[in-house]
Protein backbone atom coordinates (compact mmCIF):
# COMPACT_ATOMS: atom_id res chain seq x y z
CA MET A 1 15.13 6.49 47.56
CA GLY A 2 12.30 9.18 47.13
CA THR A 3 11.20 10.65 44.19
CA ASP A 4 9.53 14.31 43.32
CA ARG A 5 5.97 13.64 43.25
CA GLU A 6 5.66 16.41 40.83
CA THR A 7 7.34 15.11 38.33
CA LEU A 8 4.69 12.61 38.49
CA THR A 9 1.69 14.41 38.12
CA LEU A 10 0.22 14.93 34.86
CA GLY A 11 -1.10 18.58 34.49
CA PRO A 12 -4.98 19.44 34.00
CA PRO A 13 -6.40 18.42 29.84
CA SER A 14 -5.95 21.00 27.50
CA ALA A 15 -9.21 23.49 27.09
CA ASP A 16 -9.99 22.49 23.67
CA LYS A 17 -9.61 18.91 24.45
CA GLU A 18 -12.17 17.49 26.76
CA PRO A 19 -11.23 14.11 28.42
CA LEU A 20 -13.55 11.70 26.30
CA LYS A 21 -14.22 7.81 27.03
CA VAL A 22 -16.35 5.21 25.06
CA ASN A 23 -17.67 1.53 24.87
CA VAL A 24 -16.07 0.75 21.90
CA PHE A 25 -19.29 -2.02 22.17
CA GLU A 26 -21.45 0.66 22.49
CA PHE A 27 -19.85 2.67 19.75
CA MET A 28 -19.82 0.22 16.91
CA LYS A 29 -23.45 -0.26 17.19
CA GLY A 30 -24.04 3.06 15.50
CA ALA A 31 -20.91 3.02 13.11
CA ASN A 32 -22.04 3.77 9.62
CA SER A 33 -18.43 2.54 8.69
CA ALA A 34 -15.76 -0.59 9.38
CA LEU A 35 -13.32 2.09 9.84
CA ILE A 36 -14.09 4.66 11.67
CA PRO A 37 -12.60 7.03 14.17
CA LEU A 38 -13.80 6.87 18.24
CA PHE A 39 -13.16 10.49 19.06
CA PRO A 40 -13.41 13.51 17.30
CA TYR A 41 -9.54 15.08 17.87
CA LEU A 42 -7.15 14.82 14.76
CA ASP A 43 -5.18 17.30 15.17
CA GLU A 44 -1.19 16.76 15.49
CA GLY A 45 -0.19 15.00 18.35
CA ALA A 46 -3.36 13.64 18.60
CA ILE A 47 -3.81 9.98 19.60
CA VAL A 48 -6.13 8.16 16.87
CA PRO A 49 -8.53 5.10 17.78
CA CYS A 50 -10.29 3.99 15.26
CA GLY A 51 -12.65 0.63 15.55
CA THR A 52 -12.67 -1.64 12.79
CA LEU A 53 -15.91 -4.78 12.68
CA PHE A 54 -16.14 -7.63 10.14
CA ASP A 55 -18.44 -10.24 10.07
CA GLY A 56 -18.39 -13.81 7.66
CA GLY A 57 -20.72 -15.62 5.68
CA PRO A 58 -21.66 -16.94 2.83
CA GLY A 59 -20.06 -14.76 -0.65
CA THR A 60 -18.65 -12.44 1.56
CA TYR A 61 -15.76 -10.72 -0.22
CA TYR A 62 -13.60 -7.69 1.77
CA GLY A 63 -11.03 -6.81 -1.35
CA ASN A 64 -7.59 -6.40 -0.43
CA PHE A 65 -5.14 -3.60 -0.58
CA GLU A 66 -1.67 -2.28 0.40
CA HIS A 67 -1.53 0.32 2.69
CA TYR A 68 1.38 2.36 3.50
CA ASN A 69 1.06 4.73 6.75
CA ASP A 70 3.87 6.91 8.28
CA VAL A 71 3.30 6.78 11.51
CA ASP A 72 2.43 3.13 13.44
CA GLU A 73 -0.76 1.59 13.34
CA VAL A 74 -1.21 -0.50 17.21
CA SER A 75 -4.49 -2.63 16.67
CA ILE A 76 -6.05 -4.90 19.59
CA THR A 77 -8.46 -6.91 19.00
CA PHE A 78 -11.49 -6.91 21.38
CA ALA A 79 -13.56 -9.77 20.36
CA ALA A 80 -13.59 -12.64 17.45
CA GLU A 81 -13.73 -16.11 16.09
CA GLY A 82 -12.61 -17.39 12.77
CA SER A 83 -9.82 -15.23 12.59
CA ARG A 84 -5.93 -14.84 12.46
CA TYR A 85 -6.18 -12.50 15.89
CA ARG A 86 -7.02 -13.79 19.09
CA PRO A 87 -9.20 -11.86 21.49
CA GLY A 88 -6.34 -9.32 23.79
CA PHE A 89 -3.94 -9.74 20.43
CA VAL A 90 -1.69 -6.60 20.55
CA ARG A 91 -0.04 -5.82 17.06
CA VAL A 92 2.28 -3.12 15.99
CA GLY A 93 2.80 -4.02 11.94
CA PRO A 94 5.29 -2.93 9.07
CA ARG A 95 4.11 0.28 7.83
CA GLN A 96 3.66 -0.80 4.53
CA HIS A 97 1.04 -3.50 5.14
CA PHE A 98 -1.66 -5.67 3.56
CA VAL A 99 -5.50 -4.69 4.56
CA GLY A 100 -8.12 -6.88 4.08
CA SER A 101 -10.78 -8.92 6.22
CA PRO A 102 -8.66 -11.18 8.96
CA PHE A 103 -10.20 -14.27 8.22
CA GLY A 104 -9.14 -17.44 7.14
CA ALA A 105 -12.40 -18.17 5.30
CA GLU A 106 -14.32 -14.85 4.40
CA ASP A 107 -17.66 -17.20 4.09
CA ASP A 108 -17.80 -18.89 7.50
CA GLN A 109 -20.90 -17.68 8.85
CA ASN A 110 -19.19 -17.62 11.97
CA ALA A 111 -16.33 -15.27 11.42
CA TYR A 112 -15.97 -12.01 13.85
CA ALA A 113 -13.56 -9.76 14.40
CA LEU A 114 -14.01 -6.49 16.23
CA ILE A 115 -10.40 -4.68 16.50
CA VAL A 116 -9.36 -1.15 17.53
CA ILE A 117 -6.78 0.05 15.59
CA THR A 118 -4.71 3.56 17.22
CA GLN A 119 -2.27 5.50 15.43
CA ARG A 120 -0.43 8.90 16.83
CA GLN A 121 -0.44 12.02 14.21
CA LEU A 122 3.03 13.37 13.77
CA ILE A 123 4.15 17.08 14.93
CA GLY A 124 5.25 19.68 12.92
CA ARG A 125 6.38 18.02 10.04
CA PRO A 126 4.65 16.67 6.82
CA GLN A 127 2.50 12.77 7.17
CA LYS A 128 1.46 10.98 4.17
CA GLU A 129 -0.03 7.40 3.19
CA ARG A 130 -0.54 5.54 0.42
CA VAL A 131 -3.20 3.32 -1.37
CA VAL A 132 -2.09 0.42 -4.24
CA PHE A 133 -3.93 -2.10 -5.50
CA ARG A 134 -2.47 -5.00 -7.01
CA CYS A 135 -3.79 -7.34 -10.02
CA ALA A 136 -4.94 -10.70 -8.07
CA LYS A 137 -3.23 -12.88 -11.14
CA CYS A 138 -0.17 -11.74 -11.93
CA ARG A 139 0.48 -9.02 -9.20
CA ALA A 140 1.41 -5.97 -11.15
CA GLU A 141 0.69 -2.64 -9.73
CA LEU A 142 -2.79 -1.52 -10.65
CA LEU A 143 -3.26 1.88 -9.02
CA ASN A 144 -0.90 4.15 -6.75
CA HIS A 145 -2.75 6.61 -5.06
CA GLU A 146 -0.26 8.34 -2.44
CA PHE A 147 -1.71 11.37 -0.31
CA ASP A 148 -1.15 13.97 2.11
CA ALA A 149 -2.27 12.83 5.59
CA THR A 150 -0.77 16.10 7.77
CA PRO A 151 -2.95 16.44 10.47
CA ALA A 152 -3.98 20.12 11.11
CA PRO A 153 -1.77 21.91 13.36
CA ARG A 154 -2.35 21.60 17.36
CA GLY A 155 -5.45 23.62 18.77
CA ARG A 156 -6.49 24.21 15.64
CA GLN A 157 -8.21 21.57 13.96
CA ARG A 158 -12.01 23.61 13.69
CA GLU A 159 -10.18 26.59 12.26
CA THR A 160 -8.21 24.88 9.55
CA ARG A 161 -10.41 22.23 9.14
CA GLY A 162 -14.00 23.56 9.74
CA ALA A 163 -16.29 21.61 12.52
CA HIS A 164 -16.83 17.99 12.92
CA ALA A 165 -13.60 17.39 10.13
CA PRO A 166 -14.15 14.00 8.40
CA PHE A 167 -10.76 11.59 8.83
CA THR A 168 -8.44 11.75 6.18
CA THR A 169 -7.11 8.45 5.49
CA ILE A 170 -11.12 7.65 5.63
CA VAL A 171 -11.78 10.40 2.79
CA GLU A 172 -8.76 9.40 0.56
CA SER A 173 -9.23 6.09 0.46
CA VAL A 174 -12.75 6.38 -0.65
CA ALA A 175 -11.56 8.42 -3.34
CA THR A 176 -9.30 5.98 -4.43
CA TYR A 177 -11.43 3.07 -4.50
CA ARG A 178 -13.52 4.60 -6.80
CA VAL A 179 -10.98 5.42 -9.13
CA TYR A 180 -9.65 1.65 -8.96
CA ASN A 181 -13.42 0.71 -9.53
CA ASP A 182 -14.06 2.71 -12.34
CA GLU A 183 -10.60 2.81 -14.09
CA ARG A 184 -8.08 0.36 -13.13
CA ARG A 185 -9.62 -2.48 -12.85
CA THR A 186 -7.85 -4.23 -15.88
CA CYS A 187 -4.59 -5.36 -15.42
CA ARG A 188 -2.02 -3.89 -18.21
CA ALA A 189 0.36 -6.24 -18.06
CA CYS A 190 -2.14 -10.09 -18.30
CA GLY A 191 -5.48 -8.48 -19.27
CA HIS A 192 -7.05 -9.99 -16.07
CA VAL A 193 -10.47 -7.62 -15.00
CA ASN A 194 -10.03 -7.57 -11.16
CA PRO A 195 -12.88 -7.85 -9.05
CA PRO A 196 -14.58 -4.52 -7.96
CA PHE A 197 -13.47 -3.09 -4.48
CA PRO A 198 -16.37 -3.91 -2.23
CA LEU A 199 -17.13 0.14 -1.25
CA GLU A 200 -20.84 -1.52 0.19
CA LEU A 201 -19.18 -3.83 2.50
CA TRP A 202 -16.69 -1.35 4.13
CA GLY A 203 -19.37 1.46 4.00
CA VAL A 204 -16.55 3.74 4.39
CA ASP A 205 -18.28 6.04 1.37
CA ARG A 206 -20.93 6.26 4.24
CA TYR A 207 -18.60 7.68 6.77
CA ALA A 208 -17.81 10.22 3.76
CA SER A 209 -21.03 10.83 3.01
CA GLN A 210 -22.72 11.44 6.59
CA SER A 211 -19.91 13.95 7.55
CA ASP A 212 -20.52 16.34 4.20
CA LYS A 213 -24.50 16.39 5.15
CA VAL A 214 -23.62 16.63 9.36
CA ARG A 215 -20.76 19.51 8.04
CA ARG A 216 -23.80 21.25 6.02
CA GLY A 217 -26.17 20.91 9.16
CA ARG A 218 -23.39 22.96 11.76
CA ALA A 219 -23.31 25.49 9.03
CA LEU A 220 -27.20 26.05 9.03
CA PHE A 221 -27.54 25.83 12.93
CA GLU A 222 -24.99 28.41 13.02
CA THR A 223 -26.46 30.36 11.00
CA VAL A 224 -29.92 30.39 12.72
CA MET A 225 -27.79 31.38 16.00
CA ALA A 226 -26.09 33.89 14.44
CA ALA A 227 -29.45 35.23 13.42
CA LYS A 228 -31.06 35.22 17.07
CA THR A 229 -27.70 36.67 18.47
CA PRO A 230 -28.70 40.17 19.90
């Protein structure tokens, strides 16, 4: 039975989305965060893979929380030791899921995991996420923050979000972690004082900060270039 080759042929890439590729091991050498997008395309319909990198050791504590996402998160483990996931492991978890280190023992100095977590942005409708912290002693809810993660319209990311827009998931999460650390660690139900969330270990605040600095740099660059234009 013959096939229509035209129906099996991909069209050329969109003019506003140059095809890109990265080696995740090489990319993560320069990562300033335990979770970071591998590519700059974040608008609706975009495939958004994020690299995650964890290692263990004496006194290591990554903390934990619950995360809800309107879209599926597909994780692929590229390298691991002392982890719940083996190299090559592919997983699609529930949309409301636990977030923490993938290790059985975080203080194991050999514990290691490099994972890529990918989601596809929704098209033409709202997209939301939620971060929930619970008391380690009684599991009462300490903080529940839902935020709008609706991506920029297709092809209008720069127009609506500006140059080098950061990933909303990370920026909103940083704000949530800070509120938790400053105001919500003491459980109102049982009085237990929960440990602070280790922002310095995750580094997501560095990603948010660097994003702001890069966007300022781009604005300065464009100002200079505009002044030199005849």
